[in-house]
């Protein structure tokens, strides 16, 4: 039996699916031609656009290419509770760990 999606994963899939569908329609692409381009069935495209099926990072990249956007454009915004990493890093006593975290944040913003 397949595992039930967590609420958070369901929200992420819903958000990504909505963005994919919106962009697909904005460029005038049919579900059939889009499915052909990304090598998925029309049923899978429908499931993705309705948040019922997730996609791999590789497939998200491919979808973004077809839709003429970046993969990040198809992702949901970062929740507010995760945006204060820099402040939380200041509280880490181990300097090596703190600097490593700060470097990760800097790279992600580049």
C-alpha atoms as a PDB file:
ATOM      1  CA  UNK A   1       0.000   0.000   0.000  1.00  0.00           C
ATOM      2  CA  UNK A   2       1.434   3.453  -0.932  1.00  0.00           C
ATOM      3  CA  UNK A   3       2.352   5.791   1.889  1.00  0.00           C
ATOM      4  CA  UNK A   4       0.032   8.719   2.507  1.00  0.00           C
ATOM      5  CA  UNK A   5       1.580  12.122   1.741  1.00  0.00           C
ATOM      6  CA  UNK A   6       2.264  14.418   4.651  1.00  0.00           C
ATOM      7  CA  UNK A   7       0.266  17.646   4.756  1.00  0.00           C
ATOM      8  CA  UNK A   8       3.381  19.645   3.917  1.00  0.00           C
ATOM      9  CA  UNK A   9       4.278  17.454   0.926  1.00  0.00           C
ATOM     10  CA  UNK A  10       0.686  17.689  -0.320  1.00  0.00           C
ATOM     11  CA  UNK A  11       0.847  21.495  -0.129  1.00  0.00           C
ATOM     12  CA  UNK A  12       4.168  21.524  -2.001  1.00  0.00           C
ATOM     13  CA  UNK A  13       2.811  19.221  -4.732  1.00  0.00           C
ATOM     14  CA  UNK A  14      -0.359  21.344  -5.015  1.00  0.00           C
ATOM     15  CA  UNK A  15       1.698  24.523  -5.340  1.00  0.00           C
ATOM     16  CA  UNK A  16       4.102  23.075  -7.924  1.00  0.00           C
ATOM     17  CA  UNK A  17       1.239  21.564  -9.917  1.00  0.00           C
ATOM     18  CA  UNK A  18      -0.660  24.841  -9.995  1.00  0.00           C
ATOM     19  CA  UNK A  19       2.427  26.709 -11.207  1.00  0.00           C
ATOM     20  CA  UNK A  20       3.148  24.114 -13.890  1.00  0.00           C
ATOM     21  CA  UNK A  21      -0.426  24.228 -15.195  1.00  0.00           C
ATOM     22  CA  UNK A  22      -0.511  28.025 -15.122  1.00  0.00           C
ATOM     23  CA  UNK A  23       2.728  28.300 -17.104  1.00  0.00           C
ATOM     24  CA  UNK A  24       1.680  25.583 -19.548  1.00  0.00           C
ATOM     25  CA  UNK A  25      -1.586  27.380 -20.267  1.00  0.00           C
ATOM     26  CA  UNK A  26       0.161  30.766 -20.473  1.00  0.00           C
ATOM     27  CA  UNK A  27       2.330  29.526 -23.338  1.00  0.00           C
ATOM     28  CA  UNK A  28      -0.644  27.884 -25.034  1.00  0.00           C
ATOM     29  CA  UNK A  29       0.570  24.314 -24.705  1.00  0.00           C
ATOM     30  CA  UNK A  30      -1.964  21.510 -24.582  1.00  0.00           C
ATOM     31  CA  UNK A  31      -1.756  18.822 -21.945  1.00  0.00           C
ATOM     32  CA  UNK A  32      -1.193  16.287 -24.734  1.00  0.00           C
ATOM     33  CA  UNK A  33       1.782  18.114 -26.271  1.00  0.00           C
ATOM     34  CA  UNK A  34       3.226  18.889 -22.836  1.00  0.00           C
ATOM     35  CA  UNK A  35       2.955  15.230 -21.837  1.00  0.00           C
ATOM     36  CA  UNK A  36       4.746  14.258 -25.022  1.00  0.00           C
ATOM     37  CA  UNK A  37       7.545  16.787 -24.399  1.00  0.00           C
ATOM     38  CA  UNK A  38       8.213  15.622 -20.847  1.00  0.00           C
ATOM     39  CA  UNK A  39       7.705  11.948 -21.722  1.00  0.00           C
ATOM     40  CA  UNK A  40       4.828  11.407 -19.287  1.00  0.00           C
ATOM     41  CA  UNK A  41       1.299  10.229 -19.918  1.00  0.00           C
ATOM     42  CA  UNK A  42      -1.511  12.783 -20.015  1.00  0.00           C
ATOM     43  CA  UNK A  43      -2.862  11.150 -16.855  1.00  0.00           C
ATOM     44  CA  UNK A  44       0.462  11.756 -15.077  1.00  0.00           C
ATOM     45  CA  UNK A  45       0.469  15.391 -16.208  1.00  0.00           C
ATOM     46  CA  UNK A  46      -3.063  15.761 -14.847  1.00  0.00           C
ATOM     47  CA  UNK A  47      -1.995  14.179 -11.561  1.00  0.00           C
ATOM     48  CA  UNK A  48       1.033  16.477 -11.299  1.00  0.00           C
ATOM     49  CA  UNK A  49      -0.999  19.589 -12.103  1.00  0.00           C
ATOM     50  CA  UNK A  50      -3.569  18.598  -9.498  1.00  0.00           C
ATOM     51  CA  UNK A  51      -0.975  17.901  -6.795  1.00  0.00           C
ATOM     52  CA  UNK A  52      -1.596  14.158  -6.752  1.00  0.00           C
ATOM     53  CA  UNK A  53       1.833  13.171  -8.087  1.00  0.00           C
ATOM     54  CA  UNK A  54       5.256  14.525  -7.203  1.00  0.00           C
ATOM     55  CA  UNK A  55       8.149  14.954  -9.620  1.00  0.00           C
ATOM     56  CA  UNK A  56      11.861  14.344  -9.221  1.00  0.00           C
ATOM     57  CA  UNK A  57      14.315  17.236  -9.277  1.00  0.00           C
ATOM     58  CA  UNK A  58      15.535  16.040 -12.678  1.00  0.00           C
ATOM     59  CA  UNK A  59      11.992  16.005 -14.078  1.00  0.00           C
ATOM     60  CA  UNK A  60      11.249  19.428 -12.554  1.00  0.00           C
ATOM     61  CA  UNK A  61      14.330  20.770 -14.343  1.00  0.00           C
ATOM     62  CA  UNK A  62      13.117  19.240 -17.628  1.00  0.00           C
ATOM     63  CA  UNK A  63       9.608  20.662 -17.117  1.00  0.00           C
ATOM     64  CA  UNK A  64      11.053  24.124 -16.445  1.00  0.00           C
ATOM     65  CA  UNK A  65      13.087  23.927 -19.650  1.00  0.00           C
ATOM     66  CA  UNK A  66       9.967  23.079 -21.653  1.00  0.00           C
ATOM     67  CA  UNK A  67       7.996  25.877 -19.973  1.00  0.00           C
ATOM     68  CA  UNK A  68      10.780  28.431 -20.486  1.00  0.00           C
ATOM     69  CA  UNK A  69      11.412  29.182 -16.833  1.00  0.00           C
ATOM     70  CA  UNK A  70      13.793  28.169 -14.073  1.00  0.00           C
ATOM     71  CA  UNK A  71      13.010  25.239 -11.756  1.00  0.00           C
ATOM     72  CA  UNK A  72      12.882  27.725  -8.876  1.00  0.00           C
ATOM     73  CA  UNK A  73       9.971  29.498 -10.561  1.00  0.00           C
ATOM     74  CA  UNK A  74       7.937  26.308 -10.092  1.00  0.00           C
ATOM     75  CA  UNK A  75       8.720  25.888  -6.395  1.00  0.00           C
ATOM     76  CA  UNK A  76       6.652  27.302  -3.546  1.00  0.00           C
ATOM     77  CA  UNK A  77       8.012  30.180  -1.481  1.00  0.00           C
ATOM     78  CA  UNK A  78      10.055  29.356   1.616  1.00  0.00           C
ATOM     79  CA  UNK A  79       7.847  29.417   4.735  1.00  0.00           C
ATOM     80  CA  UNK A  80       8.575  32.314   7.091  1.00  0.00           C
ATOM     81  CA  UNK A  81       9.686  30.004   9.909  1.00  0.00           C
ATOM     82  CA  UNK A  82      12.612  28.846   7.756  1.00  0.00           C
ATOM     83  CA  UNK A  83      13.800  32.292   6.698  1.00  0.00           C
ATOM     84  CA  UNK A  84      15.671  33.157   9.882  1.00  0.00           C
ATOM     85  CA  UNK A  85      18.514  30.694   9.433  1.00  0.00           C
ATOM     86  CA  UNK A  86      21.173  33.387   9.662  1.00  0.00           C
ATOM     87  CA  UNK A  87      19.926  34.497  13.050  1.00  0.00           C
ATOM     88  CA  UNK A  88      19.675  30.903  14.261  1.00  0.00           C
ATOM     89  CA  UNK A  89      23.231  30.217  13.052  1.00  0.00           C
ATOM     90  CA  UNK A  90      24.553  33.008  15.274  1.00  0.00           C
ATOM     91  CA  UNK A  91      23.394  30.950  18.258  1.00  0.00           C
ATOM     92  CA  UNK A  92      25.531  27.926  17.286  1.00  0.00           C
ATOM     93  CA  UNK A  93      28.543  27.815  19.564  1.00  0.00           C
ATOM     94  CA  UNK A  94      30.763  25.636  17.373  1.00  0.00           C
ATOM     95  CA  UNK A  95      32.478  28.123  15.033  1.00  0.00           C
ATOM     96  CA  UNK A  96      33.228  25.564  12.308  1.00  0.00           C
ATOM     97  CA  UNK A  97      29.582  24.470  12.137  1.00  0.00           C
ATOM     98  CA  UNK A  98      28.367  28.074  12.209  1.00  0.00           C
ATOM     99  CA  UNK A  99      30.682  29.100   9.334  1.00  0.00           C
ATOM    100  CA  UNK A 100      29.669  26.025   7.336  1.00  0.00           C
ATOM    101  CA  UNK A 101      25.993  26.969   7.706  1.00  0.00           C
ATOM    102  CA  UNK A 102      26.665  30.586   6.779  1.00  0.00           C
ATOM    103  CA  UNK A 103      28.534  29.465   3.661  1.00  0.00           C
ATOM    104  CA  UNK A 104      25.619  27.229   2.643  1.00  0.00           C
ATOM    105  CA  UNK A 105      23.204  30.136   2.958  1.00  0.00           C
ATOM    106  CA  UNK A 106      25.510  32.396   0.955  1.00  0.00           C
ATOM    107  CA  UNK A 107      25.786  29.798  -1.834  1.00  0.00           C
ATOM    108  CA  UNK A 108      22.029  29.278  -1.964  1.00  0.00           C
ATOM    109  CA  UNK A 109      21.489  33.009  -2.434  1.00  0.00           C
ATOM    110  CA  UNK A 110      23.983  33.320  -5.284  1.00  0.00           C
END
